[in-house]
N, C-alpha and C. Protein backbone atom coordinates (compact mmCIF):
# COMPACT_ATOMS: atom_id res chain seq x y z
N MET A 1 -24.16 -30.73 12.82
CA MET A 1 -22.91 -30.03 12.84
C MET A 1 -21.79 -31.05 12.99
N THR A 2 -20.72 -30.85 12.26
CA THR A 2 -19.60 -31.77 12.29
C THR A 2 -18.68 -31.45 13.45
N LYS A 3 -18.14 -32.48 14.09
CA LYS A 3 -17.21 -32.31 15.20
C LYS A 3 -15.83 -32.72 14.76
N ALA A 4 -14.83 -31.95 15.16
CA ALA A 4 -13.44 -32.32 14.92
C ALA A 4 -13.01 -33.28 16.02
N ASN A 5 -11.78 -33.76 15.96
CA ASN A 5 -11.27 -34.73 16.94
C ASN A 5 -11.33 -34.23 18.37
N ASN A 6 -11.28 -32.95 18.61
CA ASN A 6 -11.28 -32.42 19.98
C ASN A 6 -12.70 -32.15 20.48
N ASN A 7 -13.70 -32.71 19.81
CA ASN A 7 -15.12 -32.58 20.18
C ASN A 7 -15.64 -31.16 20.10
N GLN A 8 -14.96 -30.29 19.40
CA GLN A 8 -15.43 -28.94 19.16
C GLN A 8 -16.03 -28.89 17.77
N PRO A 9 -17.09 -28.09 17.57
CA PRO A 9 -17.65 -27.98 16.22
C PRO A 9 -16.61 -27.43 15.26
N SER A 10 -16.59 -27.95 14.05
CA SER A 10 -15.69 -27.44 13.03
C SER A 10 -16.40 -26.29 12.32
N CYS A 11 -15.92 -25.06 12.53
CA CYS A 11 -16.62 -23.90 11.97
C CYS A 11 -16.61 -23.91 10.45
N ALA A 12 -15.63 -24.57 9.86
CA ALA A 12 -15.56 -24.61 8.40
C ALA A 12 -16.73 -25.37 7.82
N LEU A 13 -17.37 -26.19 8.62
CA LEU A 13 -18.44 -27.02 8.11
C LEU A 13 -19.81 -26.61 8.63
N THR A 14 -19.90 -25.54 9.43
CA THR A 14 -21.19 -25.13 9.97
C THR A 14 -21.88 -24.11 9.07
N GLY A 15 -21.10 -23.33 8.31
CA GLY A 15 -21.70 -22.31 7.46
C GLY A 15 -22.11 -21.06 8.23
N ASP A 16 -21.72 -20.90 9.47
CA ASP A 16 -22.10 -19.75 10.28
C ASP A 16 -21.00 -18.69 10.21
N ALA A 17 -21.09 -17.82 9.21
CA ALA A 17 -20.05 -16.82 8.98
C ALA A 17 -19.98 -15.78 10.10
N LYS A 18 -21.07 -15.57 10.85
CA LYS A 18 -21.05 -14.58 11.91
C LYS A 18 -20.06 -14.95 13.01
N THR A 19 -19.94 -16.22 13.32
CA THR A 19 -19.07 -16.64 14.39
C THR A 19 -17.79 -17.28 13.91
N CYS A 20 -17.62 -17.42 12.61
CA CYS A 20 -16.53 -18.23 12.09
C CYS A 20 -15.46 -17.44 11.37
N CYS A 21 -15.82 -16.51 10.56
CA CYS A 21 -14.85 -15.91 9.64
C CYS A 21 -14.47 -14.49 10.05
N ARG A 22 -13.16 -14.24 10.03
CA ARG A 22 -12.65 -12.89 10.28
C ARG A 22 -11.22 -12.83 9.77
N VAL A 23 -10.74 -11.62 9.55
CA VAL A 23 -9.34 -11.44 9.17
C VAL A 23 -8.52 -11.56 10.44
N GLU A 24 -7.61 -12.51 10.48
CA GLU A 24 -6.79 -12.75 11.66
C GLU A 24 -5.51 -11.92 11.63
N SER A 25 -4.86 -11.88 10.49
CA SER A 25 -3.61 -11.14 10.36
C SER A 25 -3.24 -11.05 8.90
N LEU A 26 -2.25 -10.24 8.62
CA LEU A 26 -1.66 -10.19 7.28
C LEU A 26 -0.31 -10.88 7.37
N ILE A 27 -0.04 -11.77 6.44
CA ILE A 27 1.23 -12.48 6.42
C ILE A 27 1.89 -12.27 5.08
N SER A 28 3.19 -12.43 5.04
CA SER A 28 3.96 -12.26 3.81
C SER A 28 4.42 -13.61 3.28
N VAL A 29 4.61 -13.67 1.98
CA VAL A 29 5.16 -14.85 1.32
C VAL A 29 6.59 -14.50 0.93
N ASP A 30 7.54 -15.35 1.34
CA ASP A 30 8.92 -15.05 0.97
C ASP A 30 9.23 -15.56 -0.44
N ASP A 31 10.46 -15.37 -0.89
CA ASP A 31 10.82 -15.72 -2.27
C ASP A 31 10.80 -17.23 -2.51
N ARG A 32 10.76 -18.03 -1.46
CA ARG A 32 10.64 -19.49 -1.62
C ARG A 32 9.19 -19.96 -1.50
N GLY A 33 8.25 -19.02 -1.35
CA GLY A 33 6.84 -19.36 -1.24
C GLY A 33 6.39 -19.74 0.16
N GLN A 34 7.23 -19.49 1.14
CA GLN A 34 6.90 -19.87 2.51
C GLN A 34 6.20 -18.74 3.24
N MET A 35 5.31 -19.14 4.17
CA MET A 35 4.57 -18.19 4.99
C MET A 35 4.67 -18.65 6.43
N VAL A 36 4.49 -17.73 7.36
CA VAL A 36 4.49 -18.07 8.78
C VAL A 36 3.14 -17.66 9.36
N LEU A 37 2.46 -18.63 9.99
CA LEU A 37 1.24 -18.31 10.71
C LEU A 37 1.64 -17.77 12.08
N PRO A 38 1.06 -16.67 12.51
CA PRO A 38 1.42 -16.10 13.80
C PRO A 38 1.23 -17.11 14.94
N LYS A 39 2.13 -17.07 15.92
CA LYS A 39 2.12 -18.02 17.02
C LYS A 39 0.79 -18.02 17.78
N ASP A 40 0.24 -16.84 18.07
CA ASP A 40 -1.02 -16.81 18.82
C ASP A 40 -2.15 -17.50 18.04
N LEU A 41 -2.15 -17.37 16.71
CA LEU A 41 -3.16 -18.05 15.90
C LEU A 41 -2.93 -19.56 15.90
N ARG A 42 -1.66 -19.97 15.77
CA ARG A 42 -1.35 -21.42 15.84
C ARG A 42 -1.78 -22.00 17.18
N ASP A 43 -1.51 -21.27 18.25
CA ASP A 43 -1.89 -21.74 19.58
C ASP A 43 -3.41 -21.87 19.71
N ARG A 44 -4.14 -20.84 19.29
CA ARG A 44 -5.61 -20.87 19.39
C ARG A 44 -6.21 -21.96 18.53
N ALA A 45 -5.59 -22.23 17.37
CA ALA A 45 -6.10 -23.25 16.46
C ALA A 45 -5.58 -24.65 16.79
N GLY A 46 -4.66 -24.72 17.75
CA GLY A 46 -4.10 -26.03 18.11
C GLY A 46 -3.23 -26.63 17.02
N ILE A 47 -2.59 -25.77 16.23
CA ILE A 47 -1.72 -26.23 15.15
C ILE A 47 -0.31 -26.41 15.70
N LYS A 48 0.21 -27.61 15.52
CA LYS A 48 1.54 -27.94 16.02
C LYS A 48 2.44 -28.37 14.86
N ALA A 49 3.74 -28.38 15.10
CA ALA A 49 4.69 -28.82 14.08
C ALA A 49 4.31 -30.22 13.61
N GLY A 50 4.29 -30.42 12.32
CA GLY A 50 3.95 -31.72 11.75
C GLY A 50 2.48 -31.88 11.39
N ASP A 51 1.60 -30.99 11.88
CA ASP A 51 0.19 -31.07 11.51
C ASP A 51 0.02 -30.83 10.02
N LYS A 52 -0.99 -31.44 9.46
CA LYS A 52 -1.30 -31.26 8.04
C LYS A 52 -2.49 -30.33 7.90
N LEU A 53 -2.38 -29.39 6.96
CA LEU A 53 -3.46 -28.47 6.65
C LEU A 53 -3.84 -28.62 5.19
N ALA A 54 -5.14 -28.69 4.92
CA ALA A 54 -5.62 -28.73 3.54
C ALA A 54 -5.79 -27.29 3.07
N VAL A 55 -5.34 -27.00 1.87
CA VAL A 55 -5.51 -25.68 1.27
C VAL A 55 -6.70 -25.76 0.33
N ILE A 56 -7.70 -24.93 0.60
CA ILE A 56 -8.92 -24.89 -0.20
C ILE A 56 -8.90 -23.58 -0.99
N SER A 57 -9.20 -23.66 -2.28
CA SER A 57 -9.22 -22.44 -3.10
C SER A 57 -10.57 -22.25 -3.74
N TRP A 58 -10.91 -20.98 -3.97
CA TRP A 58 -12.11 -20.62 -4.70
C TRP A 58 -11.69 -19.82 -5.92
N ASP A 59 -12.30 -20.12 -7.05
CA ASP A 59 -12.03 -19.40 -8.29
C ASP A 59 -13.15 -18.42 -8.59
N LYS A 60 -12.76 -17.29 -9.15
CA LYS A 60 -13.72 -16.30 -9.63
C LYS A 60 -13.18 -15.77 -10.94
N ASP A 61 -13.95 -15.89 -11.96
CA ASP A 61 -13.56 -15.42 -13.29
C ASP A 61 -12.23 -16.03 -13.74
N GLY A 62 -12.03 -17.31 -13.42
CA GLY A 62 -10.85 -18.02 -13.87
C GLY A 62 -9.59 -17.79 -13.05
N GLU A 63 -9.69 -17.02 -11.97
CA GLU A 63 -8.53 -16.77 -11.11
C GLU A 63 -8.86 -17.15 -9.68
N VAL A 64 -7.85 -17.60 -8.96
CA VAL A 64 -8.04 -17.91 -7.55
C VAL A 64 -8.24 -16.59 -6.81
N CYS A 65 -9.35 -16.49 -6.08
CA CYS A 65 -9.62 -15.25 -5.35
C CYS A 65 -9.50 -15.43 -3.85
N CYS A 66 -9.66 -16.66 -3.35
CA CYS A 66 -9.63 -16.91 -1.91
C CYS A 66 -8.93 -18.23 -1.61
N LEU A 67 -8.22 -18.26 -0.50
CA LEU A 67 -7.59 -19.48 -0.01
C LEU A 67 -8.01 -19.65 1.44
N ALA A 68 -8.21 -20.89 1.84
CA ALA A 68 -8.53 -21.20 3.24
C ALA A 68 -7.70 -22.40 3.66
N LEU A 69 -7.38 -22.47 4.95
CA LEU A 69 -6.67 -23.61 5.51
C LEU A 69 -7.62 -24.34 6.45
N ILE A 70 -7.68 -25.66 6.31
CA ILE A 70 -8.51 -26.49 7.19
C ILE A 70 -7.63 -27.61 7.69
N LYS A 71 -7.68 -27.87 8.99
CA LYS A 71 -6.92 -29.00 9.53
C LYS A 71 -7.36 -30.26 8.80
N ALA A 72 -6.39 -31.04 8.36
CA ALA A 72 -6.68 -32.24 7.56
C ALA A 72 -7.57 -33.21 8.32
N ASP A 73 -7.38 -33.37 9.63
CA ASP A 73 -8.22 -34.31 10.37
C ASP A 73 -9.67 -33.84 10.43
N ALA A 74 -9.90 -32.53 10.55
CA ALA A 74 -11.26 -31.99 10.54
C ALA A 74 -11.90 -32.16 9.17
N LEU A 75 -11.11 -31.98 8.12
CA LEU A 75 -11.62 -32.17 6.77
C LEU A 75 -11.99 -33.63 6.54
N ALA A 76 -11.17 -34.54 7.02
CA ALA A 76 -11.44 -35.97 6.86
C ALA A 76 -12.74 -36.36 7.56
N VAL A 77 -12.97 -35.82 8.76
CA VAL A 77 -14.21 -36.11 9.47
C VAL A 77 -15.41 -35.63 8.67
N GLY A 78 -15.32 -34.42 8.12
CA GLY A 78 -16.41 -33.88 7.32
C GLY A 78 -16.68 -34.69 6.07
N VAL A 79 -15.62 -35.12 5.40
CA VAL A 79 -15.79 -35.91 4.19
C VAL A 79 -16.43 -37.25 4.52
N LYS A 80 -15.99 -37.89 5.61
CA LYS A 80 -16.58 -39.17 6.01
C LYS A 80 -18.06 -39.02 6.32
N GLU A 81 -18.42 -37.96 7.04
CA GLU A 81 -19.83 -37.74 7.37
C GLU A 81 -20.65 -37.44 6.13
N PHE A 82 -20.07 -36.72 5.18
CA PHE A 82 -20.78 -36.38 3.96
C PHE A 82 -20.93 -37.59 3.05
N LEU A 83 -19.84 -38.34 2.87
CA LEU A 83 -19.86 -39.47 1.94
C LEU A 83 -20.40 -40.76 2.55
N GLY A 84 -20.40 -40.86 3.87
CA GLY A 84 -20.86 -42.08 4.52
C GLY A 84 -22.22 -42.55 4.04
N PRO A 85 -23.25 -41.69 4.07
CA PRO A 85 -24.57 -42.12 3.60
C PRO A 85 -24.58 -42.47 2.12
N VAL A 86 -23.80 -41.76 1.32
CA VAL A 86 -23.74 -42.02 -0.12
C VAL A 86 -23.14 -43.40 -0.37
N LEU A 87 -22.02 -43.67 0.29
CA LEU A 87 -21.37 -44.96 0.11
C LEU A 87 -22.22 -46.10 0.65
N LYS A 88 -22.94 -45.84 1.74
CA LYS A 88 -23.82 -46.87 2.32
C LYS A 88 -24.91 -47.25 1.33
N ASP A 89 -25.48 -46.27 0.62
CA ASP A 89 -26.53 -46.53 -0.37
C ASP A 89 -26.01 -47.31 -1.57
N MET A 90 -24.69 -47.24 -1.84
CA MET A 90 -24.12 -47.90 -3.01
C MET A 90 -23.86 -49.38 -2.76
N THR A 91 -23.82 -49.79 -1.50
CA THR A 91 -23.51 -51.20 -1.20
C THR A 91 -24.75 -52.04 -1.11
């Protein structure tokens, strides 16, 4: 299981949908394309001003059907753990 910087498992990388995925809230997109994540969700996720989030999309039948946000630092840890053995074998 991959760990994020705060030593907590990154649910995005565990594949355990029972404990990981749920509808948190409905948000609106304004005419400039901006959205606001609810404060309680930002607090629980430890998202602060200036944090970077990766936007992940899934396509179905040629259209984007799902979007997910992953903290960039957690994504970087996962990529390093995934690619580390591959890159090691190449050297």
